[in-house]
Amino acid sequence: MKLLYAPWRQDYIQKNIPQPTEPLKNNCVFCHQFEQNNDDRYFILRRFEHAALALNYYPYNAGHVMVLPLEHKGTLQELSKHVRAELMEITNQTIPILEKTLHAEGFNVGINIGQAGGGGIPSHLHIHILPRWKSDTNFLDALSGNRVISVDLEKTYKILKNEVLKICI
């Protein structure tokens, strides 16, 4: 089996974890970003009553977004039914926005629960929404295991920011 490494993810996690002198609960990059109240810096598209919608800082594809509970919980069972419903409704309403704005032709939607389940930040549950297009892989993916993301996060953020205001929860 060939292993694929994404070392930039660990750099991102470590870089965004506050220094021990900062009083921050959970030692969690997402909680840290929520507490900063600087949504543009962290590409947080919108906050809802119990959740947030954000661009993935290290996307697997253009328009890769995450739906996260504001509460620091690592599993679905730890969340109330109301919060789980809100996460799913945000996911449901985000997909047509990505279809409209980015012309996505399909999606991968998933949750990596626990470190063994592939969670890069396993202590804070999040739902990944990855837009897909026909032929969105090419020879570079197939031969080298590398992918080129040819969109600018800031431009994508600006495109999606106004559209997600239409989500009704």
N, C-alpha and C. Protein backbone atom coordinates (compact mmCIF):
# COMPACT_ATOMS: atom_id res chain seq x y z
N MET A 1 0.85 -1.18 0.00
CA MET A 1 0.00 0.00 0.00
C MET A 1 0.89 1.24 0.00
N LYS A 2 0.56 2.17 -0.86
CA LYS A 2 1.30 3.42 -0.93
C LYS A 2 0.67 4.41 0.05
N LEU A 3 1.49 5.04 0.87
CA LEU A 3 1.01 6.02 1.84
C LEU A 3 1.06 7.41 1.25
N LEU A 4 0.02 8.17 1.50
CA LEU A 4 -0.01 9.56 1.08
C LEU A 4 0.09 10.43 2.32
N TYR A 5 0.97 11.38 2.29
CA TYR A 5 1.19 12.25 3.44
C TYR A 5 0.70 13.66 3.14
N ALA A 6 0.15 14.29 4.14
CA ALA A 6 -0.28 15.69 4.03
C ALA A 6 0.30 16.44 5.22
N PRO A 7 1.62 16.65 5.23
CA PRO A 7 2.26 17.26 6.40
C PRO A 7 1.81 18.68 6.68
N TRP A 8 1.31 19.39 5.68
CA TRP A 8 0.85 20.76 5.89
C TRP A 8 -0.32 20.81 6.87
N ARG A 9 -1.09 19.73 6.96
CA ARG A 9 -2.22 19.72 7.90
C ARG A 9 -1.72 19.82 9.33
N GLN A 10 -0.68 19.06 9.66
CA GLN A 10 -0.14 19.11 11.02
C GLN A 10 0.47 20.48 11.30
N ASP A 11 1.14 21.07 10.32
CA ASP A 11 1.68 22.41 10.50
C ASP A 11 0.56 23.40 10.81
N TYR A 12 -0.55 23.27 10.10
CA TYR A 12 -1.70 24.16 10.31
C TYR A 12 -2.26 23.98 11.72
N ILE A 13 -2.42 22.74 12.13
CA ILE A 13 -2.96 22.46 13.46
C ILE A 13 -2.04 23.03 14.53
N GLN A 14 -0.74 22.77 14.40
CA GLN A 14 0.22 23.24 15.40
C GLN A 14 0.33 24.76 15.40
N LYS A 15 0.31 25.37 14.22
CA LYS A 15 0.46 26.82 14.11
C LYS A 15 -0.71 27.55 14.76
N ASN A 16 -1.89 26.98 14.66
CA ASN A 16 -3.08 27.66 15.15
C ASN A 16 -3.46 27.29 16.58
N ILE A 17 -2.72 26.39 17.20
CA ILE A 17 -2.96 26.10 18.60
C ILE A 17 -2.25 27.17 19.40
N PRO A 18 -2.95 27.81 20.30
CA PRO A 18 -2.36 28.91 21.05
C PRO A 18 -1.21 28.46 21.94
N GLN A 19 -0.36 29.41 22.25
CA GLN A 19 0.73 29.14 23.18
C GLN A 19 0.15 28.88 24.57
N PRO A 20 0.86 28.14 25.41
CA PRO A 20 0.34 27.82 26.74
C PRO A 20 -0.02 29.04 27.59
N THR A 21 0.55 30.20 27.27
CA THR A 21 0.24 31.40 28.05
C THR A 21 -1.16 31.93 27.76
N GLU A 22 -1.74 31.52 26.65
CA GLU A 22 -3.09 31.97 26.31
C GLU A 22 -4.11 31.09 27.01
N PRO A 23 -5.05 31.68 27.72
CA PRO A 23 -6.07 30.86 28.37
C PRO A 23 -7.12 30.41 27.37
N LEU A 24 -6.95 29.21 26.85
CA LEU A 24 -7.89 28.71 25.85
C LEU A 24 -8.29 27.29 26.19
N LYS A 25 -9.57 27.07 26.28
CA LYS A 25 -10.07 25.73 26.58
C LYS A 25 -9.88 24.81 25.39
N ASN A 26 -9.77 23.56 25.66
CA ASN A 26 -9.78 22.48 24.67
C ASN A 26 -8.53 22.34 23.80
N ASN A 27 -7.65 23.31 23.77
CA ASN A 27 -6.47 23.25 22.91
C ASN A 27 -6.86 22.85 21.48
N CYS A 28 -7.90 23.50 20.97
CA CYS A 28 -8.52 23.13 19.68
C CYS A 28 -8.43 24.29 18.71
N VAL A 29 -7.95 24.03 17.50
CA VAL A 29 -7.80 25.08 16.50
C VAL A 29 -9.15 25.69 16.13
N PHE A 30 -10.20 24.88 16.07
CA PHE A 30 -11.52 25.43 15.73
C PHE A 30 -12.06 26.31 16.85
N CYS A 31 -11.95 25.85 18.08
CA CYS A 31 -12.41 26.67 19.22
C CYS A 31 -11.61 27.97 19.27
N HIS A 32 -10.32 27.88 19.01
CA HIS A 32 -9.47 29.08 18.98
C HIS A 32 -9.98 30.07 17.93
N GLN A 33 -10.28 29.57 16.75
CA GLN A 33 -10.77 30.45 15.68
C GLN A 33 -12.12 31.06 16.03
N PHE A 34 -13.01 30.28 16.63
CA PHE A 34 -14.32 30.81 17.03
C PHE A 34 -14.17 31.91 18.07
N GLU A 35 -13.26 31.74 19.00
CA GLU A 35 -13.07 32.73 20.07
C GLU A 35 -12.44 34.02 19.58
N GLN A 36 -11.71 33.97 18.47
CA GLN A 36 -11.03 35.16 17.96
C GLN A 36 -12.00 36.18 17.38
N ASN A 37 -13.19 35.74 16.98
CA ASN A 37 -14.16 36.63 16.34
C ASN A 37 -13.56 37.40 15.17
N ASN A 38 -12.76 36.70 14.39
CA ASN A 38 -12.15 37.26 13.19
C ASN A 38 -12.48 36.32 12.02
N ASP A 39 -13.76 36.27 11.69
CA ASP A 39 -14.25 35.28 10.74
C ASP A 39 -13.60 35.39 9.37
N ASP A 40 -13.32 36.59 8.91
CA ASP A 40 -12.69 36.75 7.60
C ASP A 40 -11.29 36.13 7.58
N ARG A 41 -10.54 36.28 8.63
CA ARG A 41 -9.19 35.73 8.69
C ARG A 41 -9.20 34.20 8.60
N TYR A 42 -10.18 33.59 9.26
CA TYR A 42 -10.24 32.13 9.33
C TYR A 42 -11.23 31.53 8.32
N PHE A 43 -11.72 32.36 7.41
CA PHE A 43 -12.63 31.92 6.35
C PHE A 43 -13.90 31.28 6.91
N ILE A 44 -14.39 31.81 8.02
CA ILE A 44 -15.67 31.36 8.57
C ILE A 44 -16.75 32.10 7.80
N LEU A 45 -17.48 31.37 6.99
CA LEU A 45 -18.47 31.97 6.09
C LEU A 45 -19.68 32.50 6.83
N ARG A 46 -20.12 31.75 7.82
CA ARG A 46 -21.31 32.17 8.57
C ARG A 46 -21.40 31.39 9.88
N ARG A 47 -21.88 32.09 10.90
CA ARG A 47 -22.18 31.45 12.18
C ARG A 47 -23.69 31.34 12.31
N PHE A 48 -24.12 30.23 12.87
CA PHE A 48 -25.53 29.99 13.13
C PHE A 48 -25.70 29.88 14.65
N GLU A 49 -26.88 29.50 15.10
CA GLU A 49 -27.12 29.42 16.54
C GLU A 49 -26.17 28.44 17.22
N HIS A 50 -25.97 27.27 16.64
CA HIS A 50 -25.15 26.23 17.27
C HIS A 50 -24.02 25.73 16.38
N ALA A 51 -23.82 26.35 15.23
CA ALA A 51 -22.86 25.81 14.27
C ALA A 51 -22.24 26.93 13.44
N ALA A 52 -21.24 26.55 12.66
CA ALA A 52 -20.59 27.49 11.74
C ALA A 52 -20.30 26.77 10.44
N LEU A 53 -20.20 27.54 9.38
CA LEU A 53 -19.83 27.05 8.06
C LEU A 53 -18.54 27.76 7.68
N ALA A 54 -17.51 26.99 7.34
CA ALA A 54 -16.20 27.58 7.04
C ALA A 54 -15.55 26.89 5.85
N LEU A 55 -14.75 27.66 5.12
CA LEU A 55 -13.90 27.04 4.10
C LEU A 55 -12.82 26.24 4.81
N ASN A 56 -12.45 25.13 4.23
CA ASN A 56 -11.32 24.37 4.74
C ASN A 56 -10.04 25.11 4.35
N TYR A 57 -9.20 25.40 5.33
CA TYR A 57 -7.98 26.17 5.10
C TYR A 57 -7.01 25.43 4.19
N TYR A 58 -7.07 24.10 4.21
CA TYR A 58 -6.25 23.27 3.32
C TYR A 58 -7.18 22.34 2.54
N PRO A 59 -7.83 22.87 1.50
CA PRO A 59 -8.88 22.11 0.81
C PRO A 59 -8.34 20.96 -0.02
N TYR A 60 -9.17 19.93 -0.14
CA TYR A 60 -8.88 18.82 -1.05
C TYR A 60 -9.36 19.15 -2.45
N ASN A 61 -10.30 20.07 -2.55
CA ASN A 61 -10.85 20.53 -3.82
C ASN A 61 -11.29 21.98 -3.65
N ALA A 62 -11.48 22.66 -4.75
CA ALA A 62 -12.01 24.03 -4.69
C ALA A 62 -13.38 24.01 -4.03
N GLY A 63 -13.63 24.94 -3.13
CA GLY A 63 -14.92 25.03 -2.47
C GLY A 63 -15.13 24.06 -1.32
N HIS A 64 -14.08 23.38 -0.89
CA HIS A 64 -14.17 22.43 0.23
C HIS A 64 -14.54 23.20 1.50
N VAL A 65 -15.74 22.94 2.00
CA VAL A 65 -16.21 23.61 3.21
C VAL A 65 -16.44 22.60 4.33
N MET A 66 -16.55 23.13 5.54
CA MET A 66 -16.83 22.30 6.71
C MET A 66 -17.98 22.92 7.49
N VAL A 67 -18.83 22.06 8.02
CA VAL A 67 -19.90 22.47 8.92
C VAL A 67 -19.49 21.97 10.30
N LEU A 68 -19.39 22.89 11.26
CA LEU A 68 -18.88 22.54 12.59
C LEU A 68 -19.84 22.98 13.68
N PRO A 69 -19.98 22.18 14.73
CA PRO A 69 -20.72 22.68 15.89
C PRO A 69 -19.85 23.73 16.59
N LEU A 70 -20.46 24.75 17.13
CA LEU A 70 -19.70 25.74 17.90
C LEU A 70 -19.20 25.13 19.20
N GLU A 71 -19.92 24.15 19.68
CA GLU A 71 -19.57 23.45 20.92
C GLU A 71 -18.47 22.43 20.62
N HIS A 72 -17.52 22.31 21.51
CA HIS A 72 -16.39 21.39 21.35
C HIS A 72 -16.83 19.97 21.70
N LYS A 73 -17.19 19.20 20.68
CA LYS A 73 -17.62 17.81 20.84
C LYS A 73 -16.99 16.99 19.73
N GLY A 74 -16.58 15.77 20.06
CA GLY A 74 -15.89 14.93 19.09
C GLY A 74 -16.74 13.89 18.39
N THR A 75 -17.95 13.63 18.89
CA THR A 75 -18.80 12.61 18.28
C THR A 75 -20.22 13.13 18.11
N LEU A 76 -20.95 12.49 17.23
CA LEU A 76 -22.35 12.86 17.03
C LEU A 76 -23.17 12.62 18.29
N GLN A 77 -22.86 11.55 19.02
CA GLN A 77 -23.62 11.21 20.22
C GLN A 77 -23.51 12.27 21.30
N GLU A 78 -22.44 13.02 21.30
CA GLU A 78 -22.26 14.07 22.30
C GLU A 78 -23.10 15.32 22.01
N LEU A 79 -23.59 15.43 20.80
CA LEU A 79 -24.37 16.60 20.40
C LEU A 79 -25.86 16.34 20.64
N SER A 80 -26.59 17.39 20.92
CA SER A 80 -28.04 17.26 21.07
C SER A 80 -28.67 17.00 19.71
N LYS A 81 -29.89 16.47 19.71
CA LYS A 81 -30.61 16.23 18.46
C LYS A 81 -30.78 17.54 17.69
N HIS A 82 -31.01 18.61 18.42
CA HIS A 82 -31.21 19.92 17.79
C HIS A 82 -29.94 20.36 17.04
N VAL A 83 -28.79 20.19 17.66
CA VAL A 83 -27.52 20.58 17.02
C VAL A 83 -27.25 19.68 15.82
N ARG A 84 -27.47 18.37 15.98
CA ARG A 84 -27.27 17.46 14.84
C ARG A 84 -28.17 17.85 13.67
N ALA A 85 -29.42 18.20 13.98
CA ALA A 85 -30.35 18.62 12.92
C ALA A 85 -29.87 19.90 12.25
N GLU A 86 -29.35 20.84 13.04
CA GLU A 86 -28.84 22.09 12.47
C GLU A 86 -27.65 21.83 11.55
N LEU A 87 -26.73 20.96 11.97
CA LEU A 87 -25.58 20.62 11.14
C LEU A 87 -26.03 20.04 9.80
N MET A 88 -27.00 19.13 9.85
CA MET A 88 -27.46 18.50 8.61
C MET A 88 -28.22 19.48 7.72
N GLU A 89 -28.99 20.38 8.32
CA GLU A 89 -29.73 21.35 7.50
C GLU A 89 -28.78 22.35 6.85
N ILE A 90 -27.73 22.75 7.55
CA ILE A 90 -26.72 23.63 6.94
C ILE A 90 -26.06 22.89 5.78
N THR A 91 -25.71 21.63 5.99
CA THR A 91 -25.12 20.81 4.93
C THR A 91 -26.06 20.73 3.73
N ASN A 92 -27.32 20.44 4.00
CA ASN A 92 -28.33 20.33 2.96
C ASN A 92 -28.46 21.61 2.14
N GLN A 93 -28.46 22.75 2.79
CA GLN A 93 -28.65 24.02 2.08
C GLN A 93 -27.36 24.56 1.46
N THR A 94 -26.21 24.06 1.90
CA THR A 94 -24.94 24.50 1.34
C THR A 94 -24.68 23.87 -0.02
N ILE A 95 -25.11 22.64 -0.20
CA ILE A 95 -24.84 21.93 -1.46
C ILE A 95 -25.39 22.68 -2.68
N PRO A 96 -26.65 23.13 -2.69
CA PRO A 96 -27.11 23.88 -3.87
C PRO A 96 -26.39 25.21 -4.07
N ILE A 97 -25.90 25.80 -2.99
CA ILE A 97 -25.12 27.04 -3.12
C ILE A 97 -23.81 26.75 -3.85
N LEU A 98 -23.16 25.64 -3.52
CA LEU A 98 -21.92 25.26 -4.20
C LEU A 98 -22.19 24.85 -5.66
N GLU A 99 -23.35 24.25 -5.90
CA GLU A 99 -23.72 23.93 -7.29
C GLU A 99 -23.89 25.22 -8.10
N LYS A 100 -24.56 26.19 -7.52
CA LYS A 100 -24.84 27.45 -8.22
C LYS A 100 -23.57 28.28 -8.42
N THR A 101 -22.79 28.46 -7.37
CA THR A 101 -21.66 29.39 -7.44
C THR A 101 -20.42 28.79 -8.08
N LEU A 102 -20.16 27.51 -7.82
CA LEU A 102 -18.94 26.88 -8.34
C LEU A 102 -19.23 25.86 -9.44
N HIS A 103 -20.51 25.68 -9.76
CA HIS A 103 -20.93 24.75 -10.81
C HIS A 103 -20.49 23.32 -10.51
N ALA A 104 -20.52 22.95 -9.24
CA ALA A 104 -20.17 21.59 -8.83
C ALA A 104 -21.16 20.61 -9.44
N GLU A 105 -20.64 19.45 -9.82
CA GLU A 105 -21.46 18.43 -10.47
C GLU A 105 -21.77 17.25 -9.56
N GLY A 106 -21.14 17.21 -8.42
CA GLY A 106 -21.34 16.14 -7.45
C GLY A 106 -20.65 16.53 -6.16
N PHE A 107 -20.79 15.69 -5.14
CA PHE A 107 -20.22 16.01 -3.82
C PHE A 107 -19.79 14.76 -3.09
N ASN A 108 -18.78 14.92 -2.27
CA ASN A 108 -18.47 13.96 -1.22
C ASN A 108 -18.79 14.68 0.08
N VAL A 109 -19.61 14.05 0.91
CA VAL A 109 -19.96 14.60 2.22
C VAL A 109 -19.58 13.55 3.24
N GLY A 110 -18.82 13.96 4.26
CA GLY A 110 -18.41 12.97 5.24
C GLY A 110 -17.94 13.54 6.54
N ILE A 111 -17.90 12.64 7.53
CA ILE A 111 -17.43 12.97 8.87
C ILE A 111 -16.37 11.94 9.23
N ASN A 112 -15.19 12.39 9.59
CA ASN A 112 -14.14 11.51 10.08
C ASN A 112 -14.19 11.54 11.60
N ILE A 113 -14.65 10.47 12.21
CA ILE A 113 -14.82 10.44 13.66
C ILE A 113 -13.65 9.70 14.29
N GLY A 114 -12.94 10.38 15.17
CA GLY A 114 -11.79 9.80 15.85
C GLY A 114 -10.55 9.82 14.99
N GLN A 115 -9.41 9.71 15.64
CA GLN A 115 -8.14 9.73 14.91
C GLN A 115 -8.03 8.52 13.98
N ALA A 116 -8.47 7.36 14.44
CA ALA A 116 -8.43 6.17 13.61
C ALA A 116 -9.36 6.28 12.41
N GLY A 117 -10.39 7.11 12.52
CA GLY A 117 -11.33 7.33 11.43
C GLY A 117 -10.86 8.40 10.46
N GLY A 118 -9.66 8.92 10.66
CA GLY A 118 -9.10 9.90 9.74
C GLY A 118 -9.24 11.34 10.17
N GLY A 119 -9.74 11.57 11.37
CA GLY A 119 -9.92 12.94 11.84
C GLY A 119 -8.60 13.62 12.13
N GLY A 120 -8.32 14.73 11.43
CA GLY A 120 -7.11 15.51 11.69
C GLY A 120 -7.23 16.29 12.99
N ILE A 121 -8.45 16.65 13.34
CA ILE A 121 -8.75 17.32 14.61
C ILE A 121 -9.91 16.53 15.22
N PRO A 122 -9.60 15.35 15.77
CA PRO A 122 -10.66 14.42 16.18
C PRO A 122 -11.49 14.88 17.36
N SER A 123 -11.02 15.84 18.12
CA SER A 123 -11.78 16.25 19.31
C SER A 123 -12.90 17.24 18.99
N HIS A 124 -12.95 17.75 17.76
CA HIS A 124 -14.00 18.70 17.37
C HIS A 124 -14.62 18.21 16.06
N LEU A 125 -15.77 17.58 16.17
CA LEU A 125 -16.47 17.02 15.02
C LEU A 125 -16.69 18.08 13.94
N HIS A 126 -16.60 17.68 12.69
CA HIS A 126 -16.92 18.57 11.58
C HIS A 126 -17.30 17.74 10.37
N ILE A 127 -18.22 18.28 9.59
CA ILE A 127 -18.70 17.63 8.37
C ILE A 127 -17.99 18.28 7.18
N HIS A 128 -17.36 17.45 6.36
CA HIS A 128 -16.71 17.95 5.15
C HIS A 128 -17.70 17.90 3.99
N ILE A 129 -17.75 18.97 3.22
CA ILE A 129 -18.51 18.99 1.97
C ILE A 129 -17.50 19.32 0.87
N LEU A 130 -17.24 18.34 0.01
CA LEU A 130 -16.27 18.51 -1.07
C LEU A 130 -16.98 18.53 -2.42
N PRO A 131 -16.98 19.68 -3.07
CA PRO A 131 -17.55 19.73 -4.42
C PRO A 131 -16.70 18.88 -5.37
N ARG A 132 -17.37 18.26 -6.34
CA ARG A 132 -16.67 17.43 -7.32
C ARG A 132 -17.15 17.79 -8.72
N TRP A 133 -16.30 17.54 -9.69
CA TRP A 133 -16.59 17.77 -11.09
C TRP A 133 -16.17 16.55 -11.89
N LYS A 134 -16.86 16.30 -12.99
CA LYS A 134 -16.44 15.21 -13.87
C LYS A 134 -15.00 15.49 -14.27
N SER A 135 -14.19 14.49 -14.26
CA SER A 135 -12.78 14.61 -14.65
C SER A 135 -12.01 15.58 -13.77
N ASP A 136 -12.34 15.64 -12.47
CA ASP A 136 -11.59 16.56 -11.60
C ASP A 136 -10.28 15.95 -11.10
N THR A 137 -9.97 14.75 -11.55
CA THR A 137 -8.64 14.21 -11.32
C THR A 137 -7.95 14.15 -12.67
N ASN A 138 -6.62 14.20 -12.64
CA ASN A 138 -5.89 14.19 -13.90
C ASN A 138 -4.63 13.34 -13.76
N PHE A 139 -3.75 13.44 -14.71
CA PHE A 139 -2.54 12.62 -14.70
C PHE A 139 -1.68 12.88 -13.46
N LEU A 140 -1.68 14.12 -12.97
CA LEU A 140 -0.86 14.44 -11.80
C LEU A 140 -1.35 13.65 -10.59
N ASP A 141 -2.66 13.60 -10.39
CA ASP A 141 -3.23 12.79 -9.31
C ASP A 141 -2.86 11.33 -9.48
N ALA A 142 -3.08 10.82 -10.69
CA ALA A 142 -2.90 9.40 -10.95
C ALA A 142 -1.45 8.96 -10.84
N LEU A 143 -0.53 9.77 -11.35
CA LEU A 143 0.87 9.36 -11.39
C LEU A 143 1.66 9.73 -10.15
N SER A 144 1.37 10.87 -9.57
CA SER A 144 2.21 11.32 -8.46
C SER A 144 1.49 11.43 -7.13
N GLY A 145 0.17 11.31 -7.15
CA GLY A 145 -0.57 11.45 -5.90
C GLY A 145 -0.67 12.89 -5.44
N ASN A 146 -0.38 13.84 -6.34
CA ASN A 146 -0.46 15.25 -6.00
C ASN A 146 -1.66 15.87 -6.70
N ARG A 147 -2.24 16.87 -6.06
CA ARG A 147 -3.38 17.56 -6.66
C ARG A 147 -3.11 19.05 -6.65
N VAL A 148 -3.46 19.69 -7.74
CA VAL A 148 -3.33 21.14 -7.85
C VAL A 148 -4.70 21.75 -7.60
N ILE A 149 -4.79 22.65 -6.63
CA ILE A 149 -6.02 23.39 -6.38
C ILE A 149 -5.81 24.75 -7.01
N SER A 150 -6.58 25.04 -8.05
CA SER A 150 -6.31 26.24 -8.84
C SER A 150 -7.22 27.41 -8.51
N VAL A 151 -7.72 27.46 -7.29
CA VAL A 151 -8.55 28.60 -6.90
C VAL A 151 -7.94 29.27 -5.67
N ASP A 152 -8.22 30.52 -5.54
CA ASP A 152 -7.75 31.32 -4.43
C ASP A 152 -8.78 31.25 -3.31
N LEU A 153 -8.35 30.91 -2.09
CA LEU A 153 -9.28 30.81 -0.97
C LEU A 153 -10.01 32.12 -0.72
N GLU A 154 -9.31 33.24 -0.81
CA GLU A 154 -9.95 34.53 -0.56
C GLU A 154 -11.04 34.83 -1.59
N LYS A 155 -10.78 34.50 -2.84
CA LYS A 155 -11.80 34.72 -3.88
C LYS A 155 -13.00 33.80 -3.65
N THR A 156 -12.73 32.55 -3.33
CA THR A 156 -13.82 31.61 -3.05
C THR A 156 -14.63 32.08 -1.86
N TYR A 157 -13.95 32.56 -0.83
CA TYR A 157 -14.62 33.08 0.37
C TYR A 157 -15.57 34.22 0.00
N LYS A 158 -15.09 35.15 -0.81
CA LYS A 158 -15.91 36.30 -1.21
C LYS A 158 -17.11 35.86 -2.04
N ILE A 159 -16.91 34.89 -2.91
CA ILE A 159 -18.01 34.39 -3.74
C ILE A 159 -19.09 33.75 -2.86
N LEU A 160 -18.67 32.95 -1.89
CA LEU A 160 -19.64 32.20 -1.08
C LEU A 160 -20.24 33.00 0.07
N LYS A 161 -19.52 34.00 0.56
CA LYS A 161 -19.94 34.75 1.76
C LYS A 161 -21.37 35.29 1.65
N ASN A 162 -21.70 35.95 0.58
CA ASN A 162 -23.04 36.51 0.42
C ASN A 162 -24.09 35.43 0.16
N GLU A 163 -23.69 34.39 -0.54
CA GLU A 163 -24.65 33.32 -0.87
C GLU A 163 -25.11 32.56 0.38
N VAL A 164 -24.20 32.35 1.33
CA VAL A 164 -24.59 31.55 2.51
C VAL A 164 -25.52 32.32 3.44
N LEU A 165 -25.68 33.62 3.22
CA LEU A 165 -26.66 34.38 4.00
C LEU A 165 -28.08 33.91 3.69
N LYS A 166 -28.25 33.22 2.57
CA LYS A 166 -29.56 32.73 2.17
C LYS A 166 -29.98 31.46 2.90
N ILE A 167 -29.05 30.85 3.63
CA ILE A 167 -29.39 29.63 4.37
C ILE A 167 -30.35 29.99 5.49
N CYS A 168 -31.46 29.29 5.54
CA CYS A 168 -32.50 29.54 6.56
C CYS A 168 -32.57 28.35 7.51
N ILE A 169 -32.29 28.60 8.75
CA ILE A 169 -32.35 27.54 9.76
C ILE A 169 -33.48 27.84 10.72
